[in-house]
Amino acid sequence: MKLLGLEVEVAENSFEKMKGLMFRRKLNHALLFKLRKPTRLGASIHSFFVFFPFDIIWLHNWRIVDLREEVKPFTPNLTPRKTADCFVELPAGTIKKKKLKIGSIVKLV
């Protein structure tokens, strides 16, 4: 089990989920998106109007099913390779620093 040890913000309503990291200046905590049901395409994101790189992990039952490091600003589409029930946007470098990999079980706090 990997403990991220970051403060967690939860995108709870539709507006927060739609906005995500757009128009923020930086990210120094985890931003959690819970999905209504496990999905692959519904867990897709973009980084339009995100002005800094970030890491993302997609989870199913708190196990990492896919991840991307250093997502660049204005990336048009990122879709996980497998079904996810939530995903977490993280400060750039977190995946490497915490040695996260596909199959790791994650605990956010």
PDB file of N, CA and C in Angstrom:
ATOM      1  N   MET A   1       0.844  -1.182   0.000  1.00  0.00           N
ATOM      2  CA  MET A   1       0.000   0.000   0.000  1.00  0.00           C
ATOM      3  C   MET A   1       0.885   1.239   0.000  1.00  0.00           C
ATOM      4  N   LYS A   2       0.516   2.209  -0.826  1.00  0.00           N
ATOM      5  CA  LYS A   2       1.252   3.468  -0.934  1.00  0.00           C
ATOM      6  C   LYS A   2       0.447   4.571  -0.265  1.00  0.00           C
ATOM      7  N   LEU A   3       1.038   5.236   0.692  1.00  0.00           N
ATOM      8  CA  LEU A   3       0.408   6.358   1.380  1.00  0.00           C
ATOM      9  C   LEU A   3       0.882   7.636   0.725  1.00  0.00           C
ATOM     10  N   LEU A   4      -0.055   8.404   0.158  1.00  0.00           N
ATOM     11  CA  LEU A   4       0.328   9.621  -0.539  1.00  0.00           C
ATOM     12  C   LEU A   4       0.693  10.740   0.426  1.00  0.00           C
ATOM     13  N   GLY A   5       0.005  10.836   1.554  1.00  0.00           N
ATOM     14  CA  GLY A   5       0.343  11.827   2.551  1.00  0.00           C
ATOM     15  C   GLY A   5       0.149  13.265   2.099  1.00  0.00           C
ATOM     16  N   LEU A   6      -0.823  13.507   1.243  1.00  0.00           N
ATOM     17  CA  LEU A   6      -1.126  14.852   0.768  1.00  0.00           C
ATOM     18  C   LEU A   6      -2.507  15.259   1.248  1.00  0.00           C
ATOM     19  N   GLU A   7      -2.711  16.546   1.415  1.00  0.00           N
ATOM     20  CA  GLU A   7      -4.057  17.043   1.668  1.00  0.00           C
ATOM     21  C   GLU A   7      -4.898  16.695   0.446  1.00  0.00           C
ATOM     22  N   VAL A   8      -6.153  16.321   0.669  1.00  0.00           N
ATOM     23  CA  VAL A   8      -7.024  15.893  -0.428  1.00  0.00           C
ATOM     24  C   VAL A   8      -8.207  16.837  -0.563  1.00  0.00           C
ATOM     25  N   GLU A   9      -8.389  17.349  -1.769  1.00  0.00           N
ATOM     26  CA  GLU A   9      -9.577  18.123  -2.120  1.00  0.00           C
ATOM     27  C   GLU A   9     -10.443  17.203  -2.964  1.00  0.00           C
ATOM     28  N   VAL A  10     -11.736  17.156  -2.674  1.00  0.00           N
ATOM     29  CA  VAL A  10     -12.643  16.313  -3.440  1.00  0.00           C
ATOM     30  C   VAL A  10     -13.496  17.197  -4.341  1.00  0.00           C
ATOM     31  N   ALA A  11     -13.490  16.883  -5.631  1.00  0.00           N
ATOM     32  CA  ALA A  11     -14.379  17.557  -6.582  1.00  0.00           C
ATOM     33  C   ALA A  11     -15.746  16.900  -6.409  1.00  0.00           C
ATOM     34  N   GLU A  12     -16.653  17.597  -5.713  1.00  0.00           N
ATOM     35  CA  GLU A  12     -17.899  16.961  -5.296  1.00  0.00           C
ATOM     36  C   GLU A  12     -19.078  17.192  -6.225  1.00  0.00           C
ATOM     37  N   ASN A  13     -19.207  18.381  -6.773  1.00  0.00           N
ATOM     38  CA  ASN A  13     -20.371  18.632  -7.614  1.00  0.00           C
ATOM     39  C   ASN A  13     -19.955  18.713  -9.080  1.00  0.00           C
ATOM     40  N   SER A  14     -20.937  18.813  -9.939  1.00  0.00           N
ATOM     41  CA  SER A  14     -20.672  18.801 -11.387  1.00  0.00           C
ATOM     42  C   SER A  14     -19.757  19.946 -11.810  1.00  0.00           C
ATOM     43  N   PHE A  15     -19.959  21.128 -11.240  1.00  0.00           N
ATOM     44  CA  PHE A  15     -19.124  22.270 -11.605  1.00  0.00           C
ATOM     45  C   PHE A  15     -17.673  22.029 -11.197  1.00  0.00           C
ATOM     46  N   GLU A  16     -17.437  21.555  -9.977  1.00  0.00           N
ATOM     47  CA  GLU A  16     -16.074  21.287  -9.515  1.00  0.00           C
ATOM     48  C   GLU A  16     -15.414  20.207 -10.366  1.00  0.00           C
ATOM     49  N   LYS A  17     -16.165  19.197 -10.757  1.00  0.00           N
ATOM     50  CA  LYS A  17     -15.628  18.127 -11.603  1.00  0.00           C
ATOM     51  C   LYS A  17     -15.297  18.647 -12.989  1.00  0.00           C
ATOM     52  N   MET A  18     -16.155  19.510 -13.516  1.00  0.00           N
ATOM     53  CA  MET A  18     -15.913  20.056 -14.850  1.00  0.00           C
ATOM     54  C   MET A  18     -14.699  20.995 -14.832  1.00  0.00           C
ATOM     55  N   LYS A  19     -14.582  21.807 -13.801  1.00  0.00           N
ATOM     56  CA  LYS A  19     -13.502  22.791 -13.726  1.00  0.00           C
ATOM     57  C   LYS A  19     -12.148  22.132 -13.442  1.00  0.00           C
ATOM     58  N   GLY A  20     -12.118  21.189 -12.517  1.00  0.00           N
ATOM     59  CA  GLY A  20     -10.861  20.505 -12.193  1.00  0.00           C
ATOM     60  C   GLY A  20      -9.738  21.477 -11.886  1.00  0.00           C
ATOM     61  N   LEU A  21      -8.663  21.380 -12.639  1.00  0.00           N
ATOM     62  CA  LEU A  21      -7.492  22.243 -12.432  1.00  0.00           C
ATOM     63  C   LEU A  21      -7.489  23.487 -13.306  1.00  0.00           C
ATOM     64  N   MET A  22      -8.507  23.646 -14.139  1.00  0.00           N
ATOM     65  CA  MET A  22      -8.510  24.787 -15.061  1.00  0.00           C
ATOM     66  C   MET A  22      -8.425  26.110 -14.306  1.00  0.00           C
ATOM     67  N   PHE A  23      -7.586  26.987 -14.819  1.00  0.00           N
ATOM     68  CA  PHE A  23      -7.394  28.359 -14.341  1.00  0.00           C
ATOM     69  C   PHE A  23      -6.709  28.474 -12.980  1.00  0.00           C
ATOM     70  N   ARG A  24      -6.237  27.379 -12.423  1.00  0.00           N
ATOM     71  CA  ARG A  24      -5.475  27.462 -11.170  1.00  0.00           C
ATOM     72  C   ARG A  24      -4.036  27.824 -11.491  1.00  0.00           C
ATOM     73  N   ARG A  25      -3.346  28.331 -10.512  1.00  0.00           N
ATOM     74  CA  ARG A  25      -1.939  28.709 -10.696  1.00  0.00           C
ATOM     75  C   ARG A  25      -0.983  27.571 -10.362  1.00  0.00           C
ATOM     76  N   LYS A  26      -1.386  26.680  -9.440  1.00  0.00           N
ATOM     77  CA  LYS A  26      -0.537  25.551  -9.068  1.00  0.00           C
ATOM     78  C   LYS A  26      -1.371  24.513  -8.335  1.00  0.00           C
ATOM     79  N   LEU A  27      -0.766  23.377  -8.083  1.00  0.00           N
ATOM     80  CA  LEU A  27      -1.403  22.300  -7.326  1.00  0.00           C
ATOM     81  C   LEU A  27      -0.384  21.805  -6.310  1.00  0.00           C
ATOM     82  N   ASN A  28      -0.731  21.885  -5.034  1.00  0.00           N
ATOM     83  CA  ASN A  28       0.181  21.377  -4.003  1.00  0.00           C
ATOM     84  C   ASN A  28      -0.513  20.368  -3.095  1.00  0.00           C
ATOM     85  N   HIS A  29      -1.600  19.790  -3.600  1.00  0.00           N
ATOM     86  CA  HIS A  29      -2.346  18.771  -2.875  1.00  0.00           C
ATOM     87  C   HIS A  29      -2.952  17.810  -3.901  1.00  0.00           C
ATOM     88  N   ALA A  30      -3.680  16.817  -3.433  1.00  0.00           N
ATOM     89  CA  ALA A  30      -4.343  15.866  -4.329  1.00  0.00           C
ATOM     90  C   ALA A  30      -5.763  16.350  -4.618  1.00  0.00           C
ATOM     91  N   LEU A  31      -6.202  16.193  -5.854  1.00  0.00           N
ATOM     92  CA  LEU A  31      -7.573  16.528  -6.242  1.00  0.00           C
ATOM     93  C   LEU A  31      -8.251  15.239  -6.692  1.00  0.00           C
ATOM     94  N   LEU A  32      -9.223  14.778  -5.903  1.00  0.00           N
ATOM     95  CA  LEU A  32      -9.894  13.496  -6.117  1.00  0.00           C
ATOM     96  C   LEU A  32     -11.209  13.686  -6.855  1.00  0.00           C
ATOM     97  N   PHE A  33     -11.415  12.869  -7.890  1.00  0.00           N
ATOM     98  CA  PHE A  33     -12.663  12.844  -8.652  1.00  0.00           C
ATOM     99  C   PHE A  33     -13.267  11.454  -8.509  1.00  0.00           C
ATOM    100  N   LYS A  34     -14.402  11.341  -7.840  1.00  0.00           N
ATOM    101  CA  LYS A  34     -15.113  10.064  -7.734  1.00  0.00           C
ATOM    102  C   LYS A  34     -16.116   9.995  -8.881  1.00  0.00           C
ATOM    103  N   LEU A  35     -16.169   8.857  -9.545  1.00  0.00           N
ATOM    104  CA  LEU A  35     -17.064   8.669 -10.678  1.00  0.00           C
ATOM    105  C   LEU A  35     -18.327   7.936 -10.229  1.00  0.00           C
ATOM    106  N   ARG A  36     -19.442   8.183 -10.913  1.00  0.00           N
ATOM    107  CA  ARG A  36     -20.713   7.554 -10.532  1.00  0.00           C
ATOM    108  C   ARG A  36     -20.673   6.033 -10.660  1.00  0.00           C
ATOM    109  N   LYS A  37     -19.964   5.583 -11.683  1.00  0.00           N
ATOM    110  CA  LYS A  37     -19.830   4.145 -11.902  1.00  0.00           C
ATOM    111  C   LYS A  37     -18.490   3.905 -12.566  1.00  0.00           C
ATOM    112  N   PRO A  38     -17.952   2.706 -12.439  1.00  0.00           N
ATOM    113  CA  PRO A  38     -16.675   2.401 -13.092  1.00  0.00           C
ATOM    114  C   PRO A  38     -16.798   2.573 -14.607  1.00  0.00           C
ATOM    115  N   THR A  39     -15.832   3.250 -15.186  1.00  0.00           N
ATOM    116  CA  THR A  39     -15.864   3.548 -16.610  1.00  0.00           C
ATOM    117  C   THR A  39     -14.450   3.817 -17.105  1.00  0.00           C
ATOM    118  N   ARG A  40     -14.254   3.651 -18.360  1.00  0.00           N
ATOM    119  CA  ARG A  40     -12.979   4.006 -18.972  1.00  0.00           C
ATOM    120  C   ARG A  40     -13.101   5.361 -19.659  1.00  0.00           C
ATOM    121  N   LEU A  41     -14.046   5.474 -20.581  1.00  0.00           N
ATOM    122  CA  LEU A  41     -14.200   6.723 -21.326  1.00  0.00           C
ATOM    123  C   LEU A  41     -14.675   7.868 -20.436  1.00  0.00           C
ATOM    124  N   GLY A  42     -15.514   7.577 -19.443  1.00  0.00           N
ATOM    125  CA  GLY A  42     -16.003   8.604 -18.531  1.00  0.00           C
ATOM    126  C   GLY A  42     -14.928   9.123 -17.583  1.00  0.00           C
ATOM    127  N   ALA A  43     -13.789   8.452 -17.555  1.00  0.00           N
ATOM    128  CA  ALA A  43     -12.664   8.884 -16.717  1.00  0.00           C
ATOM    129  C   ALA A  43     -11.635   9.667 -17.531  1.00  0.00           C
ATOM    130  N   SER A  44     -11.978   9.973 -18.778  1.00  0.00           N
ATOM    131  CA  SER A  44     -11.071  10.742 -19.640  1.00  0.00           C
ATOM    132  C   SER A  44     -10.991  12.186 -19.153  1.00  0.00           C
ATOM    133  N   ILE A  45      -9.816  12.790 -19.330  1.00  0.00           N
ATOM    134  CA  ILE A  45      -9.635  14.192 -18.964  1.00  0.00           C
ATOM    135  C   ILE A  45      -8.898  14.921 -20.087  1.00  0.00           C
ATOM    136  N   HIS A  46      -8.853  16.235 -19.963  1.00  0.00           N
ATOM    137  CA  HIS A  46      -8.009  17.072 -20.817  1.00  0.00           C
ATOM    138  C   HIS A  46      -7.317  18.064 -19.899  1.00  0.00           C
ATOM    139  N   SER A  47      -6.343  18.766 -20.412  1.00  0.00           N
ATOM    140  CA  SER A  47      -5.681  19.790 -19.592  1.00  0.00           C
ATOM    141  C   SER A  47      -5.740  21.165 -20.257  1.00  0.00           C
ATOM    142  N   PHE A  48      -6.845  21.420 -20.972  1.00  0.00           N
ATOM    143  CA  PHE A  48      -7.052  22.764 -21.521  1.00  0.00           C
ATOM    144  C   PHE A  48      -7.191  23.748 -20.371  1.00  0.00           C
ATOM    145  N   PHE A  49      -6.539  24.874 -20.488  1.00  0.00           N
ATOM    146  CA  PHE A  49      -6.572  25.941 -19.488  1.00  0.00           C
ATOM    147  C   PHE A  49      -5.978  25.522 -18.143  1.00  0.00           C
ATOM    148  N   VAL A  50      -5.147  24.487 -18.158  1.00  0.00           N
ATOM    149  CA  VAL A  50      -4.315  24.140 -17.010  1.00  0.00           C
ATOM    150  C   VAL A  50      -2.915  24.620 -17.396  1.00  0.00           C
ATOM    151  N   PHE A  51      -2.331  25.460 -16.580  1.00  0.00           N
ATOM    152  CA  PHE A  51      -1.110  26.165 -16.976  1.00  0.00           C
ATOM    153  C   PHE A  51       0.159  25.609 -16.348  1.00  0.00           C
ATOM    154  N   PHE A  52       0.120  24.394 -15.852  1.00  0.00           N
ATOM    155  CA  PHE A  52       1.283  23.766 -15.224  1.00  0.00           C
ATOM    156  C   PHE A  52       1.180  22.251 -15.424  1.00  0.00           C
ATOM    157  N   PRO A  53       2.301  21.544 -15.409  1.00  0.00           N
ATOM    158  CA  PRO A  53       2.249  20.082 -15.524  1.00  0.00           C
ATOM    159  C   PRO A  53       1.754  19.452 -14.214  1.00  0.00           C
ATOM    160  N   PHE A  54       1.164  18.279 -14.323  1.00  0.00           N
ATOM    161  CA  PHE A  54       0.676  17.551 -13.152  1.00  0.00           C
ATOM    162  C   PHE A  54       0.714  16.055 -13.444  1.00  0.00           C
ATOM    163  N   ASP A  55       0.624  15.253 -12.398  1.00  0.00           N
ATOM    164  CA  ASP A  55       0.537  13.797 -12.521  1.00  0.00           C
ATOM    165  C   ASP A  55      -0.916  13.384 -12.322  1.00  0.00           C
ATOM    166  N   ILE A  56      -1.291  12.241 -12.876  1.00  0.00           N
ATOM    167  CA  ILE A  56      -2.635  11.710 -12.658  1.00  0.00           C
ATOM    168  C   ILE A  56      -2.563  10.201 -12.484  1.00  0.00           C
ATOM    169  N   ILE A  57      -3.364   9.702 -11.546  1.00  0.00           N
ATOM    170  CA  ILE A  57      -3.519   8.252 -11.379  1.00  0.00           C
ATOM    171  C   ILE A  57      -5.004   7.930 -11.465  1.00  0.00           C
ATOM    172  N   TRP A  58      -5.322   6.840 -12.160  1.00  0.00           N
ATOM    173  CA  TRP A  58      -6.680   6.335 -12.232  1.00  0.00           C
ATOM    174  C   TRP A  58      -6.746   5.105 -11.343  1.00  0.00           C
ATOM    175  N   LEU A  59      -7.805   5.005 -10.554  1.00  0.00           N
ATOM    176  CA  LEU A  59      -7.942   3.941  -9.568  1.00  0.00           C
ATOM    177  C   LEU A  59      -9.225   3.146  -9.776  1.00  0.00           C
ATOM    178  N   HIS A  60      -9.167   1.881  -9.410  1.00  0.00           N
ATOM    179  CA  HIS A  60     -10.360   1.045  -9.302  1.00  0.00           C
ATOM    180  C   HIS A  60     -10.212   0.290  -7.994  1.00  0.00           C
ATOM    181  N   ASN A  61     -11.157   0.507  -7.077  1.00  0.00           N
ATOM    182  CA  ASN A  61     -11.062  -0.066  -5.721  1.00  0.00           C
ATOM    183  C   ASN A  61      -9.731   0.295  -5.058  1.00  0.00           C
ATOM    184  N   TRP A  62      -9.295   1.527  -5.271  1.00  0.00           N
ATOM    185  CA  TRP A  62      -8.072   2.113  -4.695  1.00  0.00           C
ATOM    186  C   TRP A  62      -6.786   1.473  -5.221  1.00  0.00           C
ATOM    187  N   ARG A  63      -6.878   0.692  -6.286  1.00  0.00           N
ATOM    188  CA  ARG A  63      -5.699   0.110  -6.947  1.00  0.00           C
ATOM    189  C   ARG A  63      -5.446   0.903  -8.227  1.00  0.00           C
ATOM    190  N   ILE A  64      -4.199   1.277  -8.471  1.00  0.00           N
ATOM    191  CA  ILE A  64      -3.861   2.039  -9.669  1.00  0.00           C
ATOM    192  C   ILE A  64      -4.017   1.157 -10.904  1.00  0.00           C
ATOM    193  N   VAL A  65      -4.875   1.626 -11.831  1.00  0.00           N
ATOM    194  CA  VAL A  65      -5.072   0.897 -13.086  1.00  0.00           C
ATOM    195  C   VAL A  65      -4.369   1.585 -14.250  1.00  0.00           C
ATOM    196  N   ASP A  66      -4.019   2.863 -14.081  1.00  0.00           N
ATOM    197  CA  ASP A  66      -3.261   3.587 -15.091  1.00  0.00           C
ATOM    198  C   ASP A  66      -2.713   4.856 -14.456  1.00  0.00           C
ATOM    199  N   LEU A  67      -1.700   5.421 -15.076  1.00  0.00           N
ATOM    200  CA  LEU A  67      -1.106   6.657 -14.564  1.00  0.00           C
ATOM    201  C   LEU A  67      -0.364   7.375 -15.665  1.00  0.00           C
ATOM    202  N   ARG A  68      -0.211   8.672 -15.487  1.00  0.00           N
ATOM    203  CA  ARG A  68       0.572   9.493 -16.416  1.00  0.00           C
ATOM    204  C   ARG A  68       1.367  10.499 -15.587  1.00  0.00           C
ATOM    205  N   GLU A  69       2.611  10.655 -15.946  1.00  0.00           N
ATOM    206  CA  GLU A  69       3.476  11.614 -15.267  1.00  0.00           C
ATOM    207  C   GLU A  69       3.611  12.882 -16.099  1.00  0.00           C
ATOM    208  N   GLU A  70       3.730  13.996 -15.402  1.00  0.00           N
ATOM    209  CA  GLU A  70       4.042  15.281 -16.038  1.00  0.00           C
ATOM    210  C   GLU A  70       3.137  15.581 -17.232  1.00  0.00           C
ATOM    211  N   VAL A  71       1.825  15.503 -17.012  1.00  0.00           N
ATOM    212  CA  VAL A  71       0.881  15.852 -18.069  1.00  0.00           C
ATOM    213  C   VAL A  71       1.084  17.323 -18.421  1.00  0.00           C
ATOM    214  N   LYS A  72       1.257  17.585 -19.675  1.00  0.00           N
ATOM    215  CA  LYS A  72       1.539  18.941 -20.150  1.00  0.00           C
ATOM    216  C   LYS A  72       0.266  19.778 -20.242  1.00  0.00           C
ATOM    217  N   PRO A  73       0.389  21.082 -20.063  1.00  0.00           N
ATOM    218  CA  PRO A  73      -0.765  21.960 -20.275  1.00  0.00           C
ATOM    219  C   PRO A  73      -1.318  21.798 -21.692  1.00  0.00           C
ATOM    220  N   PHE A  74      -2.614  21.928 -21.806  1.00  0.00           N
ATOM    221  CA  PHE A  74      -3.343  21.896 -23.075  1.00  0.00           C
ATOM    222  C   PHE A  74      -3.253  20.554 -23.808  1.00  0.00           C
ATOM    223  N   THR A  75      -3.106  19.458 -23.064  1.00  0.00           N
ATOM    224  CA  THR A  75      -3.183  18.120 -23.657  1.00  0.00           C
ATOM    225  C   THR A  75      -4.660  17.828 -23.948  1.00  0.00           C
ATOM    226  N   PRO A  76      -5.004  17.447 -25.189  1.00  0.00           N
ATOM    227  CA  PRO A  76      -6.419  17.330 -25.552  1.00  0.00           C
ATOM    228  C   PRO A  76      -7.164  16.145 -24.947  1.00  0.00           C
ATOM    229  N   ASN A  77      -6.521  15.007 -24.731  1.00  0.00           N
ATOM    230  CA  ASN A  77      -7.264  13.850 -24.238  1.00  0.00           C
ATOM    231  C   ASN A  77      -6.339  12.852 -23.554  1.00  0.00           C
ATOM    232  N   LEU A  78      -6.734  12.448 -22.378  1.00  0.00           N
ATOM    233  CA  LEU A  78      -6.062  11.371 -21.653  1.00  0.00           C
ATOM    234  C   LEU A  78      -7.140  10.415 -21.172  1.00  0.00           C
ATOM    235  N   THR A  79      -7.093   9.195 -21.670  1.00  0.00           N
ATOM    236  CA  THR A  79      -8.073   8.178 -21.308  1.00  0.00           C
ATOM    237  C   THR A  79      -7.327   7.007 -20.676  1.00  0.00           C
ATOM    238  N   PRO A  80      -7.798   6.519 -19.531  1.00  0.00           N
ATOM    239  CA  PRO A  80      -7.108   5.378 -18.912  1.00  0.00           C
ATOM    240  C   PRO A  80      -7.224   4.131 -19.771  1.00  0.00           C
ATOM    241  N   ARG A  81      -6.249   3.273 -19.658  1.00  0.00           N
ATOM    242  CA  ARG A  81      -6.240   2.027 -20.430  1.00  0.00           C
ATOM    243  C   ARG A  81      -7.256   1.022 -19.894  1.00  0.00           C
ATOM    244  N   LYS A  82      -7.634   1.176 -18.604  1.00  0.00           N
ATOM    245  CA  LYS A  82      -8.593   0.260 -17.972  1.00  0.00           C
ATOM    246  C   LYS A  82      -9.676   1.057 -17.262  1.00  0.00           C
ATOM    247  N   THR A  83     -10.735   0.375 -16.908  1.00  0.00           N
ATOM    248  CA  THR A  83     -11.858   0.974 -16.188  1.00  0.00           C
ATOM    249  C   THR A  83     -11.407   1.505 -14.832  1.00  0.00           C
ATOM    250  N   ALA A  84     -11.908   2.705 -14.489  1.00  0.00           N
ATOM    251  CA  ALA A  84     -11.586   3.327 -13.205  1.00  0.00           C
ATOM    252  C   ALA A  84     -12.874   3.767 -12.520  1.00  0.00           C
ATOM    253  N   ASP A  85     -12.844   3.819 -11.177  1.00  0.00           N
ATOM    254  CA  ASP A  85     -13.990   4.353 -10.445  1.00  0.00           C
ATOM    255  C   ASP A  85     -13.678   5.709  -9.817  1.00  0.00           C
ATOM    256  N   CYS A  86     -12.422   6.139  -9.925  1.00  0.00           N
ATOM    257  CA  CYS A  86     -12.031   7.484  -9.516  1.00  0.00           C
ATOM    258  C   CYS A  86     -10.656   7.783 -10.097  1.00  0.00           C
ATOM    259  N   PHE A  87     -10.280   9.051 -10.043  1.00  0.00           N
ATOM    260  CA  PHE A  87      -8.919   9.416 -10.428  1.00  0.00           C
ATOM    261  C   PHE A  87      -8.465  10.571  -9.560  1.00  0.00           C
ATOM    262  N   VAL A  88      -7.135  10.715  -9.487  1.00  0.00           N
ATOM    263  CA  VAL A  88      -6.542  11.722  -8.623  1.00  0.00           C
ATOM    264  C   VAL A  88      -5.505  12.503  -9.417  1.00  0.00           C
ATOM    265  N   GLU A  89      -5.668  13.824  -9.434  1.00  0.00           N
ATOM    266  CA  GLU A  89      -4.676  14.705 -10.036  1.00  0.00           C
ATOM    267  C   GLU A  89      -3.725  15.135  -8.925  1.00  0.00           C
ATOM    268  N   LEU A  90      -2.434  15.041  -9.205  1.00  0.00           N
ATOM    269  CA  LEU A  90      -1.394  15.231  -8.190  1.00  0.00           C
ATOM    270  C   LEU A  90      -0.348  16.236  -8.660  1.00  0.00           C
ATOM    271  N   PRO A  91       0.360  16.843  -7.728  1.00  0.00           N
ATOM    272  CA  PRO A  91       1.462  17.712  -8.143  1.00  0.00           C
ATOM    273  C   PRO A  91       2.458  16.937  -9.005  1.00  0.00           C
ATOM    274  N   ALA A  92       3.008  17.597 -10.010  1.00  0.00           N
ATOM    275  CA  ALA A  92       4.002  16.959 -10.883  1.00  0.00           C
ATOM    276  C   ALA A  92       5.143  16.397 -10.043  1.00  0.00           C
ATOM    277  N   GLY A  93       5.556  15.193 -10.370  1.00  0.00           N
ATOM    278  CA  GLY A  93       6.651  14.536  -9.663  1.00  0.00           C
ATOM    279  C   GLY A  93       6.217  13.606  -8.548  1.00  0.00           C
ATOM    280  N   THR A  94       4.935  13.613  -8.196  1.00  0.00           N
ATOM    281  CA  THR A  94       4.448  12.767  -7.103  1.00  0.00           C
ATOM    282  C   THR A  94       4.577  11.285  -7.437  1.00  0.00           C
ATOM    283  N   ILE A  95       4.260  10.910  -8.672  1.00  0.00           N
ATOM    284  CA  ILE A  95       4.340   9.491  -9.056  1.00  0.00           C
ATOM    285  C   ILE A  95       5.762   8.975  -8.867  1.00  0.00           C
ATOM    286  N   LYS A  96       6.716   9.733  -9.339  1.00  0.00           N
ATOM    287  CA  LYS A  96       8.120   9.323  -9.205  1.00  0.00           C
ATOM    288  C   LYS A  96       8.556   9.338  -7.739  1.00  0.00           C
ATOM    289  N   LYS A  97       8.232  10.409  -7.026  1.00  0.00           N
ATOM    290  CA  LYS A  97       8.642  10.561  -5.628  1.00  0.00           C
ATOM    291  C   LYS A  97       8.085   9.451  -4.741  1.00  0.00           C
ATOM    292  N   LYS A  98       6.815   9.085  -4.952  1.00  0.00           N
ATOM    293  CA  LYS A  98       6.156   8.064  -4.127  1.00  0.00           C
ATOM    294  C   LYS A  98       6.313   6.658  -4.708  1.00  0.00           C
ATOM    295  N   LYS A  99       7.008   6.555  -5.848  1.00  0.00           N
ATOM    296  CA  LYS A  99       7.243   5.270  -6.514  1.00  0.00           C
ATOM    297  C   LYS A  99       5.940   4.529  -6.805  1.00  0.00           C
ATOM    298  N   LEU A 100       4.980   5.264  -7.354  1.00  0.00           N
ATOM    299  CA  LEU A 100       3.692   4.673  -7.694  1.00  0.00           C
ATOM    300  C   LEU A 100       3.804   3.920  -9.005  1.00  0.00           C
ATOM    301  N   LYS A 101       3.067   2.826  -9.109  1.00  0.00           N
ATOM    302  CA  LYS A 101       3.053   2.048 -10.338  1.00  0.00           C
ATOM    303  C   LYS A 101       1.699   1.363 -10.480  1.00  0.00           C
ATOM    304  N   ILE A 102       1.422   0.919 -11.674  1.00  0.00           N
ATOM    305  CA  ILE A 102       0.178   0.196 -11.918  1.00  0.00           C
ATOM    306  C   ILE A 102       0.140  -1.026 -11.007  1.00  0.00           C
ATOM    307  N   GLY A 103      -0.987  -1.203 -10.344  1.00  0.00           N
ATOM    308  CA  GLY A 103      -1.156  -2.325  -9.400  1.00  0.00           C
ATOM    309  C   GLY A 103      -0.987  -1.918  -7.955  1.00  0.00           C
ATOM    310  N   SER A 104      -0.363  -0.777  -7.697  1.00  0.00           N
ATOM    311  CA  SER A 104      -0.212  -0.307  -6.314  1.00  0.00           C
ATOM    312  C   SER A 104      -1.570   0.046  -5.724  1.00  0.00           C
ATOM    313  N   ILE A 105      -1.761  -0.261  -4.466  1.00  0.00           N
ATOM    314  CA  ILE A 105      -2.953   0.162  -3.746  1.00  0.00           C
ATOM    315  C   ILE A 105      -2.602   1.486  -3.066  1.00  0.00           C
ATOM    316  N   VAL A 106      -3.513   2.455  -3.201  1.00  0.00           N
ATOM    317  CA  VAL A 106      -3.238   3.815  -2.733  1.00  0.00           C
ATOM    318  C   VAL A 106      -4.145   4.174  -1.570  1.00  0.00           C
ATOM    319  N   LYS A 107      -3.566   4.797  -0.580  1.00  0.00           N
ATOM    320  CA  LYS A 107      -4.314   5.423   0.509  1.00  0.00           C
ATOM    321  C   LYS A 107      -3.972   6.893   0.446  1.00  0.00           C
ATOM    322  N   LEU A 108      -4.979   7.745   0.384  1.00  0.00           N
ATOM    323  CA  LEU A 108      -4.727   9.158   0.143  1.00  0.00           C
ATOM    324  C   LEU A 108      -4.177   9.901   1.352  1.00  0.00           C
ATOM    325  N   VAL A 109      -4.605   9.579   2.563  1.00  0.00           N
ATOM    326  CA  VAL A 109      -4.119  10.313   3.751  1.00  0.00           C
ATOM    327  C   VAL A 109      -3.314   9.417   4.663  1.00  0.00           C
TER     328      VAL A 109
END
